[in-house]
Amino acid sequence: MTNTHSGHNARAESIEITPELLTQYDRPGPRYTSYPTAPEWSEDFGDADYRRALADAARRPEEPLSVYVHIPFCRERCSFCGCNVIISKKEGVAAKYLDYLDREIGMAAEALGQRRRVAQLHWGGGTPTYLSVPELERLFESLRRRFEILPDAEIALEVDPRVTTLEQLKILRGFGFNRLSMGVQDLDPEVQAEVNRYQTEEQTRRLTDWARDLGFGGINMDLIYGLPAQKVDRWATTIEKIVDMRPDRLAVYSFAHLPEKLRIQFVEGAEVRDGE
């Protein structure tokens, strides 16, 4: 079995995937999609440390920046999720958060002095497409006013096929977003019922097709193995369906069962309500 991966400005290479290679890299580690990874964060790094880090970064105005924006809102809580999220179905609940976020963007830009060129921009969450079209426009304009987003910048975001609309994707593509990542986890209805993540194959395919038609590249899908009620044969069916959709990249995680840290994993039938 071979895997051909074409990275950003990189030559495609063919890698033979063998059982020995899989065993070599089958090692637990911190989730690599955030940087610094979670074990690096501590209460020892405070406001003064952050300001010193920004001041140090400002001394290299010629170097481009990577900017991450966290949108913590979701309409429902998936029971496997360990992200920092706020669950709410109320319209306009994100407005106050965007007020504070605008202030923080302005403060960070001021502290960075002349270092304002952005080569990578990523919106994560939660679900950034929880925001309405006017809110998406407001957030992007807040960044564009303070920073110079380079013409060849990699601009990416996470989307949820259950809530993301074609109108939202068109607006985001118009801003220059060129990559996206969507959660899938498992397409089996029984598994979805166990983890409170009801997402149909049709929703996933539709969003993928929309994104491709609009010119998004680097489409990523997240999968999780080891979820409750997952069976090898049905997991294989999910994999076959995902392969047929031909995402550019897969992020495949093992289920982190941490009931001592995640209340929703041990309260049967739990619903995380607004503000909880």
C-alpha atoms as a PDB file:
ATOM      1  CA  MET A   1       0.000   0.000   0.000  1.00  0.00           C
ATOM      2  CA  THR A   2       1.371   3.409  -0.860  1.00  0.00           C
ATOM      3  CA  ASN A   3       0.395   6.911   0.156  1.00  0.00           C
ATOM      4  CA  THR A   4       1.055   9.887  -2.090  1.00  0.00           C
ATOM      5  CA  HIS A   5       1.062  13.209  -0.270  1.00  0.00           C
ATOM      6  CA  SER A   6       1.519  16.557  -1.951  1.00  0.00           C
ATOM      7  CA  GLY A   7       2.334  19.193   0.661  1.00  0.00           C
ATOM      8  CA  HIS A   8       2.313  22.981   0.295  1.00  0.00           C
ATOM      9  CA  ASN A   9       5.070  23.856  -2.184  1.00  0.00           C
ATOM     10  CA  ALA A  10       6.522  20.398  -1.723  1.00  0.00           C
ATOM     11  CA  ARG A  11       7.280  17.629  -4.167  1.00  0.00           C
ATOM     12  CA  ALA A  12       4.939  14.650  -3.970  1.00  0.00           C
ATOM     13  CA  GLU A  13       6.585  11.552  -2.517  1.00  0.00           C
ATOM     14  CA  SER A  14       5.453   7.942  -2.476  1.00  0.00           C
ATOM     15  CA  ILE A  15       5.742   6.170   0.896  1.00  0.00           C
ATOM     16  CA  GLU A  16       5.229   2.458   1.358  1.00  0.00           C
ATOM     17  CA  ILE A  17       3.058   1.858   4.426  1.00  0.00           C
ATOM     18  CA  THR A  18       4.044  -1.418   6.085  1.00  0.00           C
ATOM     19  CA  PRO A  19       3.070  -3.043   9.405  1.00  0.00           C
ATOM     20  CA  GLU A  20       6.591  -2.252  10.639  1.00  0.00           C
ATOM     21  CA  LEU A  21       6.149   1.452   9.802  1.00  0.00           C
ATOM     22  CA  LEU A  22       2.792   1.584  11.578  1.00  0.00           C
ATOM     23  CA  THR A  23       4.276  -0.103  14.661  1.00  0.00           C
ATOM     24  CA  GLN A  24       7.184   2.338  14.658  1.00  0.00           C
ATOM     25  CA  TYR A  25       4.893   5.351  14.913  1.00  0.00           C
ATOM     26  CA  ASP A  26       2.218   3.782  17.129  1.00  0.00           C
ATOM     27  CA  ARG A  27       3.216   5.804  20.177  1.00  0.00           C
ATOM     28  CA  PRO A  28       1.102   7.967  22.490  1.00  0.00           C
ATOM     29  CA  GLY A  29       1.852  11.657  22.437  1.00  0.00           C
ATOM     30  CA  PRO A  30       0.254  15.067  22.921  1.00  0.00           C
ATOM     31  CA  ARG A  31      -2.242  16.176  20.319  1.00  0.00           C
ATOM     32  CA  TYR A  32      -0.092  17.707  17.622  1.00  0.00           C
ATOM     33  CA  THR A  33      -2.721  19.943  16.011  1.00  0.00           C
ATOM     34  CA  SER A  34      -2.170  22.670  18.594  1.00  0.00           C
ATOM     35  CA  TYR A  35       1.114  24.425  19.231  1.00  0.00           C
ATOM     36  CA  PRO A  36       2.492  24.518  21.794  1.00  0.00           C
ATOM     37  CA  THR A  37       0.947  21.165  22.688  1.00  0.00           C
ATOM     38  CA  ALA A  38      -1.207  20.948  25.812  1.00  0.00           C
ATOM     39  CA  PRO A  39       1.516  19.645  28.202  1.00  0.00           C
ATOM     40  CA  GLU A  40       3.539  22.818  27.558  1.00  0.00           C
ATOM     41  CA  TRP A  41       0.871  25.100  29.062  1.00  0.00           C
ATOM     42  CA  SER A  42       1.016  25.937  32.762  1.00  0.00           C
ATOM     43  CA  GLU A  43      -0.059  28.571  35.282  1.00  0.00           C
ATOM     44  CA  ASP A  44       3.598  29.607  35.556  1.00  0.00           C
ATOM     45  CA  PHE A  45       3.357  31.570  32.289  1.00  0.00           C
ATOM     46  CA  GLY A  46       1.507  34.777  33.110  1.00  0.00           C
ATOM     47  CA  ASP A  47       0.646  38.159  31.650  1.00  0.00           C
ATOM     48  CA  ALA A  48       4.141  39.583  32.086  1.00  0.00           C
ATOM     49  CA  ASP A  49       5.684  36.574  30.331  1.00  0.00           C
ATOM     50  CA  TYR A  50       3.262  36.961  27.429  1.00  0.00           C
ATOM     51  CA  ARG A  51       4.055  40.663  27.058  1.00  0.00           C
ATOM     52  CA  ARG A  52       7.793  39.915  27.071  1.00  0.00           C
ATOM     53  CA  ALA A  53       7.285  37.269  24.384  1.00  0.00           C
ATOM     54  CA  LEU A  54       5.390  39.746  22.193  1.00  0.00           C
ATOM     55  CA  ALA A  55       8.081  42.385  22.725  1.00  0.00           C
ATOM     56  CA  ASP A  56      10.741  39.865  21.720  1.00  0.00           C
ATOM     57  CA  ALA A  57       8.758  38.928  18.602  1.00  0.00           C
ATOM     58  CA  ALA A  58       8.444  42.606  17.670  1.00  0.00           C
ATOM     59  CA  ARG A  59      12.241  42.813  17.325  1.00  0.00           C
ATOM     60  CA  ARG A  60      12.040  40.694  14.142  1.00  0.00           C
ATOM     61  CA  PRO A  61       9.631  42.727  11.979  1.00  0.00           C
ATOM     62  CA  GLU A  62      10.747  41.017   8.761  1.00  0.00           C
ATOM     63  CA  GLU A  63       9.580  37.558   9.865  1.00  0.00           C
ATOM     64  CA  PRO A  64       5.980  36.580   9.005  1.00  0.00           C
ATOM     65  CA  LEU A  65       3.512  35.485  11.656  1.00  0.00           C
ATOM     66  CA  SER A  66       1.204  32.529  12.174  1.00  0.00           C
ATOM     67  CA  VAL A  67      -2.084  33.592  13.799  1.00  0.00           C
ATOM     68  CA  TYR A  68      -4.607  31.306  15.492  1.00  0.00           C
ATOM     69  CA  VAL A  69      -8.117  32.464  16.466  1.00  0.00           C
ATOM     70  CA  HIS A  70     -10.227  30.312  18.790  1.00  0.00           C
ATOM     71  CA  ILE A  71     -14.020  30.356  18.385  1.00  0.00           C
ATOM     72  CA  PRO A  72     -15.265  28.234  21.302  1.00  0.00           C
ATOM     73  CA  PHE A  73     -18.956  27.925  20.397  1.00  0.00           C
ATOM     74  CA  CYS A  74     -20.872  24.802  19.379  1.00  0.00           C
ATOM     75  CA  ARG A  75     -24.604  24.146  19.159  1.00  0.00           C
ATOM     76  CA  GLU A  76     -24.280  20.683  20.720  1.00  0.00           C
ATOM     77  CA  ARG A  77     -21.660  18.872  22.784  1.00  0.00           C
ATOM     78  CA  CYS A  78     -20.100  15.696  21.393  1.00  0.00           C
ATOM     79  CA  SER A  79     -19.283  13.430  24.330  1.00  0.00           C
ATOM     80  CA  PHE A  80     -15.814  12.526  23.015  1.00  0.00           C
ATOM     81  CA  CYS A  81     -14.741  16.184  22.827  1.00  0.00           C
ATOM     82  CA  GLY A  82     -12.077  17.582  25.139  1.00  0.00           C
ATOM     83  CA  CYS A  83     -11.897  21.039  23.549  1.00  0.00           C
ATOM     84  CA  ASN A  84     -12.591  24.336  25.289  1.00  0.00           C
ATOM     85  CA  VAL A  85     -16.170  24.923  24.127  1.00  0.00           C
ATOM     86  CA  ILE A  86     -19.322  26.839  25.035  1.00  0.00           C
ATOM     87  CA  ILE A  87     -22.584  25.114  24.114  1.00  0.00           C
ATOM     88  CA  SER A  88     -25.433  27.390  23.086  1.00  0.00           C
ATOM     89  CA  LYS A  89     -28.166  27.601  20.464  1.00  0.00           C
ATOM     90  CA  LYS A  90     -28.959  31.232  21.258  1.00  0.00           C
ATOM     91  CA  GLU A  91     -28.566  33.679  18.396  1.00  0.00           C
ATOM     92  CA  GLY A  92     -26.104  36.486  19.055  1.00  0.00           C
ATOM     93  CA  VAL A  93     -24.379  34.769  21.981  1.00  0.00           C
ATOM     94  CA  ALA A  94     -21.009  35.214  20.251  1.00  0.00           C
ATOM     95  CA  ALA A  95     -21.323  39.002  19.892  1.00  0.00           C
ATOM     96  CA  LYS A  96     -19.804  39.835  23.292  1.00  0.00           C
ATOM     97  CA  TYR A  97     -17.006  37.334  22.712  1.00  0.00           C
ATOM     98  CA  LEU A  98     -16.199  39.069  19.412  1.00  0.00           C
ATOM     99  CA  ASP A  99     -16.066  42.404  21.259  1.00  0.00           C
ATOM    100  CA  TYR A 100     -13.365  41.065  23.567  1.00  0.00           C
ATOM    101  CA  LEU A 101     -11.618  39.297  20.716  1.00  0.00           C
ATOM    102  CA  ASP A 102     -11.425  42.519  18.730  1.00  0.00           C
ATOM    103  CA  ARG A 103      -9.782  44.233  21.700  1.00  0.00           C
ATOM    104  CA  GLU A 104      -7.274  41.405  22.117  1.00  0.00           C
ATOM    105  CA  ILE A 105      -6.380  41.446  18.419  1.00  0.00           C
ATOM    106  CA  GLY A 106      -5.757  45.179  18.658  1.00  0.00           C
ATOM    107  CA  MET A 107      -3.608  44.842  21.781  1.00  0.00           C
ATOM    108  CA  ALA A 108      -1.540  42.026  20.274  1.00  0.00           C
ATOM    109  CA  ALA A 109      -1.008  43.959  17.043  1.00  0.00           C
ATOM    110  CA  GLU A 110       0.121  47.031  18.974  1.00  0.00           C
ATOM    111  CA  ALA A 111       2.568  44.989  21.046  1.00  0.00           C
ATOM    112  CA  LEU A 112       4.012  43.438  17.871  1.00  0.00           C
ATOM    113  CA  GLY A 113       4.931  46.858  16.478  1.00  0.00           C
ATOM    114  CA  GLN A 114       5.878  46.618  12.808  1.00  0.00           C
ATOM    115  CA  ARG A 115       5.687  42.836  12.731  1.00  0.00           C
ATOM    116  CA  ARG A 116       2.311  42.494  11.022  1.00  0.00           C
ATOM    117  CA  ARG A 117       2.823  40.175   8.013  1.00  0.00           C
ATOM    118  CA  VAL A 118       0.797  36.934   8.301  1.00  0.00           C
ATOM    119  CA  ALA A 119       1.788  33.801   6.376  1.00  0.00           C
ATOM    120  CA  GLN A 120      -0.588  31.422   8.161  1.00  0.00           C
ATOM    121  CA  LEU A 121      -4.017  32.100   9.637  1.00  0.00           C
ATOM    122  CA  HIS A 122      -6.195  29.445  11.262  1.00  0.00           C
ATOM    123  CA  TRP A 123      -9.620  29.638  12.894  1.00  0.00           C
ATOM    124  CA  GLY A 124     -10.405  26.748  15.226  1.00  0.00           C
ATOM    125  CA  GLY A 125     -12.880  25.900  17.941  1.00  0.00           C
ATOM    126  CA  GLY A 126     -15.495  24.910  18.742  1.00  0.00           C
ATOM    127  CA  THR A 127     -17.027  25.647  15.409  1.00  0.00           C
ATOM    128  CA  PRO A 128     -16.021  28.884  13.658  1.00  0.00           C
ATOM    129  CA  THR A 129     -19.019  28.502  11.350  1.00  0.00           C
ATOM    130  CA  TYR A 130     -21.194  28.823  14.452  1.00  0.00           C
ATOM    131  CA  LEU A 131     -20.797  32.533  13.643  1.00  0.00           C
ATOM    132  CA  SER A 132     -23.296  34.172  11.308  1.00  0.00           C
ATOM    133  CA  VAL A 133     -22.133  35.666   8.002  1.00  0.00           C
ATOM    134  CA  PRO A 134     -22.032  39.230   9.466  1.00  0.00           C
ATOM    135  CA  GLU A 135     -20.030  37.909  12.439  1.00  0.00           C
ATOM    136  CA  LEU A 136     -17.583  36.119  10.131  1.00  0.00           C
ATOM    137  CA  GLU A 137     -17.160  39.385   8.212  1.00  0.00           C
ATOM    138  CA  ARG A 138     -16.636  41.321  11.432  1.00  0.00           C
ATOM    139  CA  LEU A 139     -13.952  38.936  12.694  1.00  0.00           C
ATOM    140  CA  PHE A 140     -12.037  38.859   9.431  1.00  0.00           C
ATOM    141  CA  GLU A 141     -12.143  42.652   9.119  1.00  0.00           C
ATOM    142  CA  SER A 142     -10.804  42.932  12.684  1.00  0.00           C
ATOM    143  CA  LEU A 143      -7.758  40.919  11.617  1.00  0.00           C
ATOM    144  CA  ARG A 144      -7.360  42.587   8.227  1.00  0.00           C
ATOM    145  CA  ARG A 145      -7.305  46.074   9.812  1.00  0.00           C
ATOM    146  CA  ARG A 146      -4.365  45.157  12.049  1.00  0.00           C
ATOM    147  CA  PHE A 147      -2.364  42.695   9.981  1.00  0.00           C
ATOM    148  CA  GLU A 148      -1.150  42.264   6.413  1.00  0.00           C
ATOM    149  CA  ILE A 149      -2.289  38.853   5.222  1.00  0.00           C
ATOM    150  CA  LEU A 150       0.178  37.836   2.530  1.00  0.00           C
ATOM    151  CA  PRO A 151      -1.146  36.961  -0.952  1.00  0.00           C
ATOM    152  CA  ASP A 152       0.150  33.389  -0.712  1.00  0.00           C
ATOM    153  CA  ALA A 153      -0.877  32.889   2.936  1.00  0.00           C
ATOM    154  CA  GLU A 154      -2.323  29.593   4.073  1.00  0.00           C
ATOM    155  CA  ILE A 155      -5.728  30.543   5.503  1.00  0.00           C
ATOM    156  CA  ALA A 156      -7.624  27.668   7.084  1.00  0.00           C
ATOM    157  CA  LEU A 157     -10.521  26.945   9.401  1.00  0.00           C
ATOM    158  CA  GLU A 158     -12.440  24.127  11.017  1.00  0.00           C
ATOM    159  CA  VAL A 159     -16.014  23.548   9.853  1.00  0.00           C
ATOM    160  CA  ASP A 160     -18.905  21.383  10.972  1.00  0.00           C
ATOM    161  CA  PRO A 161     -20.857  19.777   8.082  1.00  0.00           C
ATOM    162  CA  ARG A 162     -24.029  19.868  10.195  1.00  0.00           C
ATOM    163  CA  VAL A 163     -24.156  23.665  10.498  1.00  0.00           C
ATOM    164  CA  THR A 164     -21.962  25.113   7.721  1.00  0.00           C
ATOM    165  CA  THR A 165     -23.878  26.687   4.840  1.00  0.00           C
ATOM    166  CA  LEU A 166     -22.922  27.305   1.234  1.00  0.00           C
ATOM    167  CA  GLU A 167     -23.284  31.039   1.862  1.00  0.00           C
ATOM    168  CA  GLN A 168     -20.736  30.869   4.682  1.00  0.00           C
ATOM    169  CA  LEU A 169     -18.266  28.976   2.495  1.00  0.00           C
ATOM    170  CA  LYS A 170     -18.645  31.505  -0.331  1.00  0.00           C
ATOM    171  CA  ILE A 171     -17.962  34.392   2.054  1.00  0.00           C
ATOM    172  CA  LEU A 172     -14.929  32.635   3.554  1.00  0.00           C
ATOM    173  CA  ARG A 173     -13.529  31.770   0.137  1.00  0.00           C
ATOM    174  CA  GLY A 174     -13.952  35.416  -0.823  1.00  0.00           C
ATOM    175  CA  PHE A 175     -11.854  36.389   2.203  1.00  0.00           C
ATOM    176  CA  GLY A 176      -9.094  34.156   0.872  1.00  0.00           C
ATOM    177  CA  PHE A 177      -9.591  31.019   2.972  1.00  0.00           C
ATOM    178  CA  ASN A 178      -8.078  28.170   0.999  1.00  0.00           C
ATOM    179  CA  ARG A 179      -8.008  25.157   3.355  1.00  0.00           C
ATOM    180  CA  LEU A 180     -10.539  23.578   5.660  1.00  0.00           C
ATOM    181  CA  SER A 181     -10.872  20.739   8.134  1.00  0.00           C
ATOM    182  CA  MET A 182     -14.068  18.972   9.118  1.00  0.00           C
ATOM    183  CA  GLY A 183     -14.888  16.576  11.916  1.00  0.00           C
ATOM    184  CA  VAL A 184     -16.362  13.235  10.837  1.00  0.00           C
ATOM    185  CA  GLN A 185     -15.216  10.762  13.543  1.00  0.00           C
ATOM    186  CA  ASP A 186     -17.443   7.866  12.372  1.00  0.00           C
ATOM    187  CA  LEU A 187     -20.357   7.625   9.922  1.00  0.00           C
ATOM    188  CA  ASP A 188     -22.046   4.694  11.685  1.00  0.00           C
ATOM    189  CA  PRO A 189     -25.407   5.807  13.180  1.00  0.00           C
ATOM    190  CA  GLU A 190     -25.060   3.590  16.274  1.00  0.00           C
ATOM    191  CA  VAL A 191     -21.666   5.059  17.120  1.00  0.00           C
ATOM    192  CA  GLN A 192     -22.973   8.568  16.479  1.00  0.00           C
ATOM    193  CA  ALA A 193     -25.835   7.962  18.916  1.00  0.00           C
ATOM    194  CA  GLU A 194     -23.364   6.888  21.601  1.00  0.00           C
ATOM    195  CA  VAL A 195     -21.284  10.074  21.278  1.00  0.00           C
ATOM    196  CA  ASN A 196     -24.072  12.578  20.483  1.00  0.00           C
ATOM    197  CA  ARG A 197     -22.657  13.351  17.051  1.00  0.00           C
ATOM    198  CA  TYR A 198     -25.371  12.947  14.441  1.00  0.00           C
ATOM    199  CA  GLN A 199     -23.773  13.662  11.065  1.00  0.00           C
ATOM    200  CA  THR A 200     -24.922  11.915   7.911  1.00  0.00           C
ATOM    201  CA  GLU A 201     -22.785  10.759   5.034  1.00  0.00           C
ATOM    202  CA  GLU A 202     -24.831  13.071   2.791  1.00  0.00           C
ATOM    203  CA  GLN A 203     -23.980  16.134   4.901  1.00  0.00           C
ATOM    204  CA  THR A 204     -20.302  15.260   4.785  1.00  0.00           C
ATOM    205  CA  ARG A 205     -20.262  14.657   1.021  1.00  0.00           C
ATOM    206  CA  ARG A 206     -22.249  17.821   0.327  1.00  0.00           C
ATOM    207  CA  LEU A 207     -19.854  20.046   2.271  1.00  0.00           C
ATOM    208  CA  THR A 208     -16.849  18.397   0.626  1.00  0.00           C
ATOM    209  CA  ASP A 209     -18.322  18.967  -2.842  1.00  0.00           C
ATOM    210  CA  TRP A 210     -19.166  22.594  -2.056  1.00  0.00           C
ATOM    211  CA  ALA A 211     -15.631  23.243  -0.831  1.00  0.00           C
ATOM    212  CA  ARG A 212     -14.038  21.671  -3.903  1.00  0.00           C
ATOM    213  CA  ASP A 213     -16.333  23.570  -6.270  1.00  0.00           C
ATOM    214  CA  LEU A 214     -15.353  26.836  -4.559  1.00  0.00           C
ATOM    215  CA  GLY A 215     -11.646  26.105  -4.898  1.00  0.00           C
ATOM    216  CA  PHE A 216     -10.696  25.074  -1.368  1.00  0.00           C
ATOM    217  CA  GLY A 217      -7.609  22.865  -1.268  1.00  0.00           C
ATOM    218  CA  GLY A 218      -6.128  20.767   1.486  1.00  0.00           C
ATOM    219  CA  ILE A 219      -9.490  19.405   2.650  1.00  0.00           C
ATOM    220  CA  ASN A 220      -8.948  17.474   5.890  1.00  0.00           C
ATOM    221  CA  MET A 221     -11.247  15.062   7.706  1.00  0.00           C
ATOM    222  CA  ASP A 222     -10.910  14.010  11.359  1.00  0.00           C
ATOM    223  CA  LEU A 223     -11.622  10.411  12.348  1.00  0.00           C
ATOM    224  CA  ILE A 224     -11.588   8.762  15.775  1.00  0.00           C
ATOM    225  CA  TYR A 225     -11.118   5.070  16.494  1.00  0.00           C
ATOM    226  CA  GLY A 226     -11.978   3.332  19.762  1.00  0.00           C
ATOM    227  CA  LEU A 227     -15.332   5.074  20.204  1.00  0.00           C
ATOM    228  CA  PRO A 228     -18.197   3.340  22.065  1.00  0.00           C
ATOM    229  CA  ALA A 229     -20.101   0.799  19.920  1.00  0.00           C
ATOM    230  CA  GLN A 230     -17.440   0.891  17.195  1.00  0.00           C
ATOM    231  CA  LYS A 231     -16.888  -2.444  15.450  1.00  0.00           C
ATOM    232  CA  VAL A 232     -14.061  -3.300  13.086  1.00  0.00           C
ATOM    233  CA  ASP A 233     -16.318  -4.191  10.144  1.00  0.00           C
ATOM    234  CA  ARG A 234     -18.462  -1.058  10.453  1.00  0.00           C
ATOM    235  CA  TRP A 235     -15.393   1.112  11.007  1.00  0.00           C
ATOM    236  CA  ALA A 236     -14.043  -0.347   7.765  1.00  0.00           C
ATOM    237  CA  THR A 237     -17.260   0.753   6.039  1.00  0.00           C
ATOM    238  CA  THR A 238     -16.734   4.304   7.282  1.00  0.00           C
ATOM    239  CA  ILE A 239     -13.169   4.227   5.967  1.00  0.00           C
ATOM    240  CA  GLU A 240     -14.356   3.042   2.556  1.00  0.00           C
ATOM    241  CA  LYS A 241     -16.869   5.901   2.360  1.00  0.00           C
ATOM    242  CA  ILE A 242     -14.253   8.463   3.391  1.00  0.00           C
ATOM    243  CA  VAL A 243     -11.765   7.125   0.832  1.00  0.00           C
ATOM    244  CA  ASP A 244     -14.461   7.515  -1.809  1.00  0.00           C
ATOM    245  CA  MET A 245     -14.795  11.207  -0.848  1.00  0.00           C
ATOM    246  CA  ARG A 246     -11.037  11.567  -1.421  1.00  0.00           C
ATOM    247  CA  PRO A 247     -10.020  14.109   1.225  1.00  0.00           C
ATOM    248  CA  ASP A 248      -6.530  15.551   0.785  1.00  0.00           C
ATOM    249  CA  ARG A 249      -5.587  14.659   4.345  1.00  0.00           C
ATOM    250  CA  LEU A 250      -6.809  12.574   7.255  1.00  0.00           C
ATOM    251  CA  ALA A 251      -6.225  13.181  10.948  1.00  0.00           C
ATOM    252  CA  VAL A 252      -6.947   9.913  12.772  1.00  0.00           C
ATOM    253  CA  TYR A 253      -7.018   9.907  16.570  1.00  0.00           C
ATOM    254  CA  SER A 254      -7.602   7.317  19.243  1.00  0.00           C
ATOM    255  CA  PHE A 255     -10.530   8.040  21.549  1.00  0.00           C
ATOM    256  CA  ALA A 256      -9.329   9.710  24.747  1.00  0.00           C
ATOM    257  CA  HIS A 257     -11.520   8.323  27.532  1.00  0.00           C
ATOM    258  CA  LEU A 258     -10.968  10.789  30.382  1.00  0.00           C
ATOM    259  CA  PRO A 259     -14.092  10.719  32.584  1.00  0.00           C
ATOM    260  CA  GLU A 260     -12.122  12.194  35.487  1.00  0.00           C
ATOM    261  CA  LYS A 261     -11.593  15.353  33.403  1.00  0.00           C
ATOM    262  CA  LEU A 262     -14.577  15.361  31.044  1.00  0.00           C
ATOM    263  CA  ARG A 263     -17.842  15.256  32.958  1.00  0.00           C
ATOM    264  CA  ILE A 264     -19.919  14.438  29.887  1.00  0.00           C
ATOM    265  CA  GLN A 265     -18.106  11.116  29.474  1.00  0.00           C
ATOM    266  CA  PHE A 266     -19.435   9.656  32.705  1.00  0.00           C
ATOM    267  CA  VAL A 267     -22.876  11.255  33.139  1.00  0.00           C
ATOM    268  CA  GLU A 268     -25.275   8.984  31.273  1.00  0.00           C
ATOM    269  CA  GLY A 269     -27.561  10.930  28.955  1.00  0.00           C
ATOM    270  CA  ALA A 270     -25.911  14.197  29.975  1.00  0.00           C
ATOM    271  CA  GLU A 271     -26.616  17.410  28.150  1.00  0.00           C
ATOM    272  CA  VAL A 272     -24.281  20.354  28.610  1.00  0.00           C
ATOM    273  CA  ARG A 273     -26.551  23.367  28.808  1.00  0.00           C
ATOM    274  CA  ASP A 274     -25.773  27.011  28.170  1.00  0.00           C
ATOM    275  CA  GLY A 275     -23.161  28.274  30.570  1.00  0.00           C
ATOM    276  CA  GLU A 276     -22.199  24.836  31.900  1.00  0.00           C
END
